[in-house]
């Protein structure tokens, strides 16, 4: 799971932020999701955020794989997902 934590002073952070992105059953990212690089601003003002994902069965099952994924985030509120791969 990927969580969003917020800080008023960038020195103190909550132990656990709210869930932002989690694995989805029956998809390529059904076992694990983890953060990739920082989001990039798109020409329309939204952001694209790339993440890493793993299928159930990895690493023991050679048919399971590690995959990149992406989400488009709202430019005014980046905690809102507009679209997901």
C-alpha atoms as a PDB file:
ATOM      1  CA  UNK A   1       0.000   0.000   0.000  1.00  0.00           C
ATOM      2  CA  UNK A   2       1.036   3.561  -0.602  1.00  0.00           C
ATOM      3  CA  UNK A   3      -0.075   6.090   1.986  1.00  0.00           C
ATOM      4  CA  UNK A   4      -0.242   9.880   1.990  1.00  0.00           C
ATOM      5  CA  UNK A   5       1.192  11.582   5.043  1.00  0.00           C
ATOM      6  CA  UNK A   6       0.883  15.314   5.660  1.00  0.00           C
ATOM      7  CA  UNK A   7       3.028  17.617   7.767  1.00  0.00           C
ATOM      8  CA  UNK A   8       2.574  21.219   8.820  1.00  0.00           C
ATOM      9  CA  UNK A   9       6.283  21.787   9.352  1.00  0.00           C
ATOM     10  CA  UNK A  10       8.075  19.048   7.330  1.00  0.00           C
ATOM     11  CA  UNK A  11       9.816  17.958  10.539  1.00  0.00           C
ATOM     12  CA  UNK A  12       6.966  16.055  12.219  1.00  0.00           C
ATOM     13  CA  UNK A  13       5.103  13.357  10.306  1.00  0.00           C
ATOM     14  CA  UNK A  14       2.236  11.124  11.419  1.00  0.00           C
ATOM     15  CA  UNK A  15       3.092   7.474  11.896  1.00  0.00           C
ATOM     16  CA  UNK A  16       0.520   6.364   9.335  1.00  0.00           C
ATOM     17  CA  UNK A  17      -1.053   8.406   6.574  1.00  0.00           C
ATOM     18  CA  UNK A  18      -4.300   7.570   4.832  1.00  0.00           C
ATOM     19  CA  UNK A  19      -4.270   4.865   2.139  1.00  0.00           C
ATOM     20  CA  UNK A  20      -3.708   6.349  -1.276  1.00  0.00           C
ATOM     21  CA  UNK A  21      -3.037   3.373  -3.544  1.00  0.00           C
ATOM     22  CA  UNK A  22      -3.496  -0.316  -2.805  1.00  0.00           C
ATOM     23  CA  UNK A  23      -3.334  -3.609  -4.693  1.00  0.00           C
ATOM     24  CA  UNK A  24      -6.387  -4.503  -6.806  1.00  0.00           C
ATOM     25  CA  UNK A  25      -7.698  -8.068  -7.102  1.00  0.00           C
ATOM     26  CA  UNK A  26      -7.580  -9.592 -10.597  1.00  0.00           C
ATOM     27  CA  UNK A  27      -5.178  -6.931 -11.933  1.00  0.00           C
ATOM     28  CA  UNK A  28      -1.461  -6.832 -12.713  1.00  0.00           C
ATOM     29  CA  UNK A  29      -0.937  -5.043  -9.364  1.00  0.00           C
ATOM     30  CA  UNK A  30      -2.869  -7.538  -7.218  1.00  0.00           C
ATOM     31  CA  UNK A  31      -0.175  -8.401  -4.649  1.00  0.00           C
ATOM     32  CA  UNK A  32       1.927  -5.314  -3.915  1.00  0.00           C
ATOM     33  CA  UNK A  33       2.220  -1.656  -4.886  1.00  0.00           C
ATOM     34  CA  UNK A  34       5.116   0.595  -3.929  1.00  0.00           C
ATOM     35  CA  UNK A  35       6.121   4.133  -4.738  1.00  0.00           C
ATOM     36  CA  UNK A  36       8.121   5.056  -7.798  1.00  0.00           C
ATOM     37  CA  UNK A  37       9.636   8.469  -8.613  1.00  0.00           C
ATOM     38  CA  UNK A  38       7.952  11.759  -7.608  1.00  0.00           C
ATOM     39  CA  UNK A  39       4.858  12.768  -9.613  1.00  0.00           C
ATOM     40  CA  UNK A  40       5.433  14.811 -12.782  1.00  0.00           C
ATOM     41  CA  UNK A  41       3.226  17.773 -13.792  1.00  0.00           C
ATOM     42  CA  UNK A  42       1.411  17.287 -17.105  1.00  0.00           C
ATOM     43  CA  UNK A  43       0.556  20.027 -19.595  1.00  0.00           C
ATOM     44  CA  UNK A  44      -3.110  19.954 -18.482  1.00  0.00           C
ATOM     45  CA  UNK A  45      -2.151  20.718 -14.858  1.00  0.00           C
ATOM     46  CA  UNK A  46      -2.668  17.173 -13.563  1.00  0.00           C
ATOM     47  CA  UNK A  47       0.161  14.905 -12.435  1.00  0.00           C
ATOM     48  CA  UNK A  48       1.323  11.464 -13.519  1.00  0.00           C
ATOM     49  CA  UNK A  49       2.656   9.190 -10.792  1.00  0.00           C
ATOM     50  CA  UNK A  50       4.450   5.948 -11.646  1.00  0.00           C
ATOM     51  CA  UNK A  51       4.498   3.076  -9.184  1.00  0.00           C
ATOM     52  CA  UNK A  52       5.933  -0.425  -8.955  1.00  0.00           C
ATOM     53  CA  UNK A  53       3.669  -3.452  -8.615  1.00  0.00           C
ATOM     54  CA  UNK A  54       3.908  -7.202  -8.176  1.00  0.00           C
ATOM     55  CA  UNK A  55       1.537 -10.018  -9.153  1.00  0.00           C
ATOM     56  CA  UNK A  56       0.505 -12.786  -6.758  1.00  0.00           C
ATOM     57  CA  UNK A  57       2.992 -15.642  -6.888  1.00  0.00           C
ATOM     58  CA  UNK A  58       6.115 -13.565  -7.300  1.00  0.00           C
ATOM     59  CA  UNK A  59       9.010 -14.387  -6.810  1.00  0.00           C
ATOM     60  CA  UNK A  60       8.454 -18.165  -6.711  1.00  0.00           C
ATOM     61  CA  UNK A  61       6.149 -18.339  -9.759  1.00  0.00           C
ATOM     62  CA  UNK A  62       8.092 -17.521 -12.917  1.00  0.00           C
ATOM     63  CA  UNK A  63       4.823 -16.506 -14.648  1.00  0.00           C
ATOM     64  CA  UNK A  64       4.221 -13.759 -12.060  1.00  0.00           C
ATOM     65  CA  UNK A  65       5.991 -10.481 -12.673  1.00  0.00           C
ATOM     66  CA  UNK A  66       6.956  -7.070 -11.411  1.00  0.00           C
ATOM     67  CA  UNK A  67       5.223  -4.329 -13.402  1.00  0.00           C
ATOM     68  CA  UNK A  68       5.169  -0.555 -13.643  1.00  0.00           C
ATOM     69  CA  UNK A  69       1.829   1.164 -13.120  1.00  0.00           C
ATOM     70  CA  UNK A  70       0.667   4.763 -13.315  1.00  0.00           C
ATOM     71  CA  UNK A  71      -2.059   7.025 -11.987  1.00  0.00           C
ATOM     72  CA  UNK A  72      -3.175  10.458 -13.145  1.00  0.00           C
ATOM     73  CA  UNK A  73      -3.657  12.726 -10.138  1.00  0.00           C
ATOM     74  CA  UNK A  74      -5.892  15.780  -9.947  1.00  0.00           C
ATOM     75  CA  UNK A  75      -3.810  18.954 -10.321  1.00  0.00           C
ATOM     76  CA  UNK A  76      -5.783  20.779  -7.607  1.00  0.00           C
ATOM     77  CA  UNK A  77      -5.861  17.862  -5.152  1.00  0.00           C
ATOM     78  CA  UNK A  78      -3.137  15.288  -5.882  1.00  0.00           C
ATOM     79  CA  UNK A  79      -4.689  12.857  -3.394  1.00  0.00           C
ATOM     80  CA  UNK A  80      -7.536  12.305  -5.902  1.00  0.00           C
ATOM     81  CA  UNK A  81      -6.956   9.709  -8.611  1.00  0.00           C
ATOM     82  CA  UNK A  82      -8.409  10.705 -11.991  1.00  0.00           C
ATOM     83  CA  UNK A  83      -7.311   7.614 -13.939  1.00  0.00           C
ATOM     84  CA  UNK A  84      -5.329   4.437 -13.239  1.00  0.00           C
ATOM     85  CA  UNK A  85      -3.551   1.979 -15.534  1.00  0.00           C
END
